[in-house]
C-alpha atoms as a PDB file:
ATOM      1  CA  MET A   1      -5.461 -27.326  16.871  1.00  0.00           C
ATOM      2  CA  LYS A   2      -2.961 -24.745  17.668  1.00  0.00           C
ATOM      3  CA  TYR A   3      -4.181 -21.511  19.272  1.00  0.00           C
ATOM      4  CA  PHE A   4      -2.377 -18.275  19.195  1.00  0.00           C
ATOM      5  CA  GLU A   5      -3.859 -15.078  20.727  1.00  0.00           C
ATOM      6  CA  ALA A   6      -2.892 -11.493  20.266  1.00  0.00           C
ATOM      7  CA  PRO A   7      -0.492 -10.430  20.581  1.00  0.00           C
ATOM      8  CA  THR A   8       1.315 -13.615  20.424  1.00  0.00           C
ATOM      9  CA  GLU A   9       2.867 -13.906  16.868  1.00  0.00           C
ATOM     10  CA  TYR A  10       2.446 -16.791  14.618  1.00  0.00           C
ATOM     11  CA  LEU A  11       5.193 -17.315  12.043  1.00  0.00           C
ATOM     12  CA  GLY A  12       4.677 -20.731  11.028  1.00  0.00           C
ATOM     13  CA  ASN A  13       3.468 -22.449   7.582  1.00  0.00           C
ATOM     14  CA  GLU A  14       0.676 -24.613   8.719  1.00  0.00           C
ATOM     15  CA  ARG A  15      -3.239 -24.295   7.619  1.00  0.00           C
ATOM     16  CA  SER A  16      -4.253 -21.203   9.757  1.00  0.00           C
ATOM     17  CA  LEU A  17      -7.413 -19.534  10.298  1.00  0.00           C
ATOM     18  CA  PHE A  18      -7.960 -16.030  11.606  1.00  0.00           C
ATOM     19  CA  LEU A  19     -11.233 -15.643  13.805  1.00  0.00           C
ATOM     20  CA  ALA A  20     -12.606 -12.064  12.804  1.00  0.00           C
ATOM     21  CA  GLY A  21     -15.628 -10.899  14.416  1.00  0.00           C
ATOM     22  CA  GLY A  22     -17.078  -8.886  17.318  1.00  0.00           C
ATOM     23  CA  ILE A  23     -14.885  -8.238  20.338  1.00  0.00           C
ATOM     24  CA  THR A  24     -16.321  -5.474  22.410  1.00  0.00           C
ATOM     25  CA  GLY A  25     -19.775  -5.361  23.548  1.00  0.00           C
ATOM     26  CA  CYS A  26     -20.367  -8.873  22.823  1.00  0.00           C
ATOM     27  CA  PRO A  27     -19.979 -12.730  24.082  1.00  0.00           C
ATOM     28  CA  ASP A  28     -16.747 -14.482  23.938  1.00  0.00           C
ATOM     29  CA  TRP A  29     -18.053 -16.495  20.696  1.00  0.00           C
ATOM     30  CA  GLN A  30     -14.161 -16.892  19.789  1.00  0.00           C
ATOM     31  CA  ARG A  31     -14.220 -19.347  22.748  1.00  0.00           C
ATOM     32  CA  GLU A  32     -17.254 -21.335  21.664  1.00  0.00           C
ATOM     33  CA  LEU A  33     -15.710 -21.552  18.068  1.00  0.00           C
ATOM     34  CA  THR A  34     -12.337 -22.679  19.579  1.00  0.00           C
ATOM     35  CA  ASP A  35     -13.859 -25.137  21.356  1.00  0.00           C
ATOM     36  CA  LEU A  36     -15.901 -26.632  18.531  1.00  0.00           C
ATOM     37  CA  LEU A  37     -12.554 -26.916  16.312  1.00  0.00           C
ATOM     38  CA  LYS A  38     -10.435 -28.284  19.313  1.00  0.00           C
ATOM     39  CA  ASN A  39      -9.746 -31.549  17.304  1.00  0.00           C
ATOM     40  CA  GLU A  40      -9.001 -30.206  14.017  1.00  0.00           C
ATOM     41  CA  ASP A  41      -5.687 -29.761  12.627  1.00  0.00           C
ATOM     42  CA  ILE A  42      -5.515 -26.379  11.980  1.00  0.00           C
ATOM     43  CA  VAL A  43      -3.978 -23.375  13.940  1.00  0.00           C
ATOM     44  CA  LEU A  44      -6.444 -20.622  15.287  1.00  0.00           C
ATOM     45  CA  LEU A  45      -5.389 -16.957  15.478  1.00  0.00           C
ATOM     46  CA  ASN A  46      -7.768 -14.838  17.730  1.00  0.00           C
ATOM     47  CA  PRO A  47      -7.573 -11.145  18.015  1.00  0.00           C
ATOM     48  CA  ARG A  48      -9.555 -11.301  21.284  1.00  0.00           C
ATOM     49  CA  ARG A  49      -6.962 -10.910  24.266  1.00  0.00           C
ATOM     50  CA  ALA A  50      -7.706 -12.254  27.634  1.00  0.00           C
ATOM     51  CA  LYS A  51      -6.840  -8.706  28.869  1.00  0.00           C
ATOM     52  CA  PHE A  52      -6.467  -5.691  26.858  1.00  0.00           C
ATOM     53  CA  PRO A  53      -4.238  -3.395  28.270  1.00  0.00           C
ATOM     54  CA  MET A  54      -6.698  -0.278  28.221  1.00  0.00           C
ATOM     55  CA  HIS A  55      -4.208   1.944  30.245  1.00  0.00           C
ATOM     56  CA  ASP A  56      -1.764   1.579  27.346  1.00  0.00           C
ATOM     57  CA  LYS A  57      -1.995   4.231  24.715  1.00  0.00           C
ATOM     58  CA  ASP A  58       0.201   2.405  22.143  1.00  0.00           C
ATOM     59  CA  ALA A  59      -1.875  -0.943  22.615  1.00  0.00           C
ATOM     60  CA  ALA A  60      -4.766   0.006  20.166  1.00  0.00           C
ATOM     61  CA  ARG A  61      -1.772   0.332  17.255  1.00  0.00           C
ATOM     62  CA  GLU A  62      -0.139  -2.661  18.338  1.00  0.00           C
ATOM     63  CA  GLN A  63      -3.157  -4.592  18.061  1.00  0.00           C
ATOM     64  CA  ILE A  64      -4.473  -3.114  14.751  1.00  0.00           C
ATOM     65  CA  GLU A  65      -1.008  -4.087  13.360  1.00  0.00           C
ATOM     66  CA  TRP A  66      -1.116  -7.633  14.909  1.00  0.00           C
ATOM     67  CA  GLU A  67      -4.574  -7.984  13.057  1.00  0.00           C
ATOM     68  CA  TYR A  68      -3.440  -6.666   9.784  1.00  0.00           C
ATOM     69  CA  ARG A  69      -0.129  -9.052   9.596  1.00  0.00           C
ATOM     70  CA  HIS A  70      -1.944 -12.103  10.650  1.00  0.00           C
ATOM     71  CA  PHE A  71      -5.070 -11.189   8.176  1.00  0.00           C
ATOM     72  CA  CYS A  72      -2.625 -11.421   5.352  1.00  0.00           C
ATOM     73  CA  GLU A  73      -0.543 -14.650   6.311  1.00  0.00           C
ATOM     74  CA  THR A  74      -3.243 -17.009   7.354  1.00  0.00           C
ATOM     75  CA  ALA A  75      -4.602 -19.349   4.724  1.00  0.00           C
ATOM     76  CA  ALA A  76      -8.389 -18.746   5.418  1.00  0.00           C
ATOM     77  CA  VAL A  77     -10.470 -16.363   7.571  1.00  0.00           C
ATOM     78  CA  SER A  78     -13.792 -16.679   9.521  1.00  0.00           C
ATOM     79  CA  PHE A  79     -15.804 -13.887  10.156  1.00  0.00           C
ATOM     80  CA  TRP A  80     -18.835 -13.939  12.707  1.00  0.00           C
ATOM     81  CA  PHE A  81     -21.078 -11.296  12.988  1.00  0.00           C
ATOM     82  CA  PRO A  82     -22.908 -11.423  16.870  1.00  0.00           C
ATOM     83  CA  LYS A  83     -26.505  -9.828  17.302  1.00  0.00           C
ATOM     84  CA  GLU A  84     -25.139  -7.565  20.336  1.00  0.00           C
ATOM     85  CA  THR A  85     -22.992  -4.803  18.163  1.00  0.00           C
ATOM     86  CA  LEU A  86     -22.812  -3.732  14.280  1.00  0.00           C
ATOM     87  CA  CYS A  87     -19.022  -4.691  14.423  1.00  0.00           C
ATOM     88  CA  PRO A  88     -18.151  -1.530  11.967  1.00  0.00           C
ATOM     89  CA  ILE A  89     -14.397  -2.633  12.180  1.00  0.00           C
ATOM     90  CA  THR A  90     -15.449  -6.306  11.299  1.00  0.00           C
ATOM     91  CA  LEU A  91     -17.531  -4.934   8.427  1.00  0.00           C
ATOM     92  CA  TYR A  92     -14.889  -3.026   6.955  1.00  0.00           C
ATOM     93  CA  GLU A  93     -12.671  -6.006   7.391  1.00  0.00           C
ATOM     94  CA  LEU A  94     -15.001  -8.410   5.558  1.00  0.00           C
ATOM     95  CA  GLY A  95     -14.984  -6.048   2.693  1.00  0.00           C
ATOM     96  CA  VAL A  96     -11.170  -6.075   2.532  1.00  0.00           C
ATOM     97  CA  GLN A  97     -11.167  -9.925   2.511  1.00  0.00           C
ATOM     98  CA  MET A  98     -13.979 -10.061  -0.122  1.00  0.00           C
ATOM     99  CA  ILE A  99     -11.712  -9.024  -2.590  1.00  0.00           C
ATOM    100  CA  LYS A 100      -8.548 -11.550  -1.828  1.00  0.00           C
ATOM    101  CA  ASN A 101      -8.682 -15.245  -3.138  1.00  0.00           C
ATOM    102  CA  LYS A 102      -8.773 -16.760   0.305  1.00  0.00           C
ATOM    103  CA  PRO A 103     -11.355 -19.255   1.601  1.00  0.00           C
ATOM    104  CA  LEU A 104     -13.655 -17.140   3.920  1.00  0.00           C
ATOM    105  CA  PHE A 105     -16.000 -18.513   6.152  1.00  0.00           C
ATOM    106  CA  VAL A 106     -19.190 -16.179   7.124  1.00  0.00           C
ATOM    107  CA  GLY A 107     -21.561 -16.482  10.133  1.00  0.00           C
ATOM    108  CA  VAL A 108     -24.051 -14.041  11.183  1.00  0.00           C
ATOM    109  CA  HIS A 109     -26.615 -14.521  14.142  1.00  0.00           C
ATOM    110  CA  PRO A 110     -29.911 -14.224  12.910  1.00  0.00           C
ATOM    111  CA  GLU A 111     -30.735 -11.214  14.760  1.00  0.00           C
ATOM    112  CA  TYR A 112     -27.781  -9.375  13.495  1.00  0.00           C
ATOM    113  CA  GLU A 113     -28.972  -5.760  12.583  1.00  0.00           C
ATOM    114  CA  ARG A 114     -27.098  -5.848   9.158  1.00  0.00           C
ATOM    115  CA  LYS A 115     -27.625  -9.454   7.869  1.00  0.00           C
ATOM    116  CA  VAL A 116     -29.305  -8.751   4.873  1.00  0.00           C
ATOM    117  CA  ASP A 117     -26.355  -6.022   3.916  1.00  0.00           C
ATOM    118  CA  ILE A 118     -23.948  -8.944   4.336  1.00  0.00           C
ATOM    119  CA  GLU A 119     -26.088 -11.587   2.481  1.00  0.00           C
ATOM    120  CA  ILE A 120     -26.554  -9.228  -0.610  1.00  0.00           C
ATOM    121  CA  GLN A 121     -23.047  -7.815  -0.610  1.00  0.00           C
ATOM    122  CA  THR A 122     -21.313 -11.523  -0.153  1.00  0.00           C
ATOM    123  CA  GLN A 123     -23.692 -12.779  -3.051  1.00  0.00           C
ATOM    124  CA  LEU A 124     -22.789 -10.098  -5.281  1.00  0.00           C
ATOM    125  CA  LYS A 125     -18.864 -10.116  -4.705  1.00  0.00           C
ATOM    126  CA  ARG A 126     -18.359 -14.146  -3.563  1.00  0.00           C
ATOM    127  CA  PRO A 127     -21.601 -15.843  -4.630  1.00  0.00           C
ATOM    128  CA  GLU A 128     -19.551 -19.461  -3.811  1.00  0.00           C
ATOM    129  CA  ILE A 129     -19.537 -18.184   0.014  1.00  0.00           C
ATOM    130  CA  GLU A 130     -22.562 -19.903   1.954  1.00  0.00           C
ATOM    131  CA  ILE A 131     -23.441 -17.809   5.016  1.00  0.00           C
ATOM    132  CA  VAL A 132     -24.295 -19.748   8.081  1.00  0.00           C
ATOM    133  CA  TYR A 133     -26.635 -18.470  11.147  1.00  0.00           C
ATOM    134  CA  ASP A 134     -24.820 -20.153  14.247  1.00  0.00           C
ATOM    135  CA  LEU A 135     -21.144 -21.053  15.187  1.00  0.00           C
ATOM    136  CA  ASN A 136     -21.978 -24.786  15.172  1.00  0.00           C
ATOM    137  CA  ALA A 137     -22.986 -24.428  11.430  1.00  0.00           C
ATOM    138  CA  LEU A 138     -19.740 -22.102  10.840  1.00  0.00           C
ATOM    139  CA  SER A 139     -17.554 -24.633  12.606  1.00  0.00           C
ATOM    140  CA  HIS A 140     -18.761 -27.338  10.350  1.00  0.00           C
ATOM    141  CA  LYS A 141     -17.931 -25.324   7.098  1.00  0.00           C
ATOM    142  CA  ILE A 142     -14.236 -24.893   8.659  1.00  0.00           C
ATOM    143  CA  LYS A 143     -14.281 -28.511   9.322  1.00  0.00           C
ATOM    144  CA  GLU A 144     -14.701 -29.288   5.508  1.00  0.00           C
ATOM    145  CA  TRP A 145     -12.250 -26.822   4.556  1.00  0.00           C
ATOM    146  CA  VAL A 146      -9.777 -28.604   6.997  1.00  0.00           C
ATOM    147  CA  LYS A 147     -10.484 -32.086   5.556  1.00  0.00           C
ATOM    148  CA  THR A 148     -10.055 -31.149   1.823  1.00  0.00           C
ATOM    149  CA  LYS A 149      -6.296 -30.217   1.923  1.00  0.00           C
END
């Protein structure tokens, strides 16, 4: 596994996966998922920075632009919706990614407040996607994909 964290640019062409999901007000689930995927032949792109420069007025734009570029360039995207926050931006990003012909992996904590909305919307637009309800199951879906290519 190779790992890139915002704002580090990834310009390679290896099999890559964007880790989309909650950042603010929730546990560092990205670290747990990264650990579960550590032995896989994949490049992980993590938008969660170890230290976000809150004092820098340009940091938000830089972060959003980094995410946009890497959403576009990765081979696949995984989503995790934690129970601690509604993740409104992640919901928006899921909607955008649903209309693309790109592998998606969707995980939702069983206590996530809008779980039913994600289930119904996903079933309507991308019925082939099996939603999972814990990070271990999400990692298994990703591992299956890695082994198919």
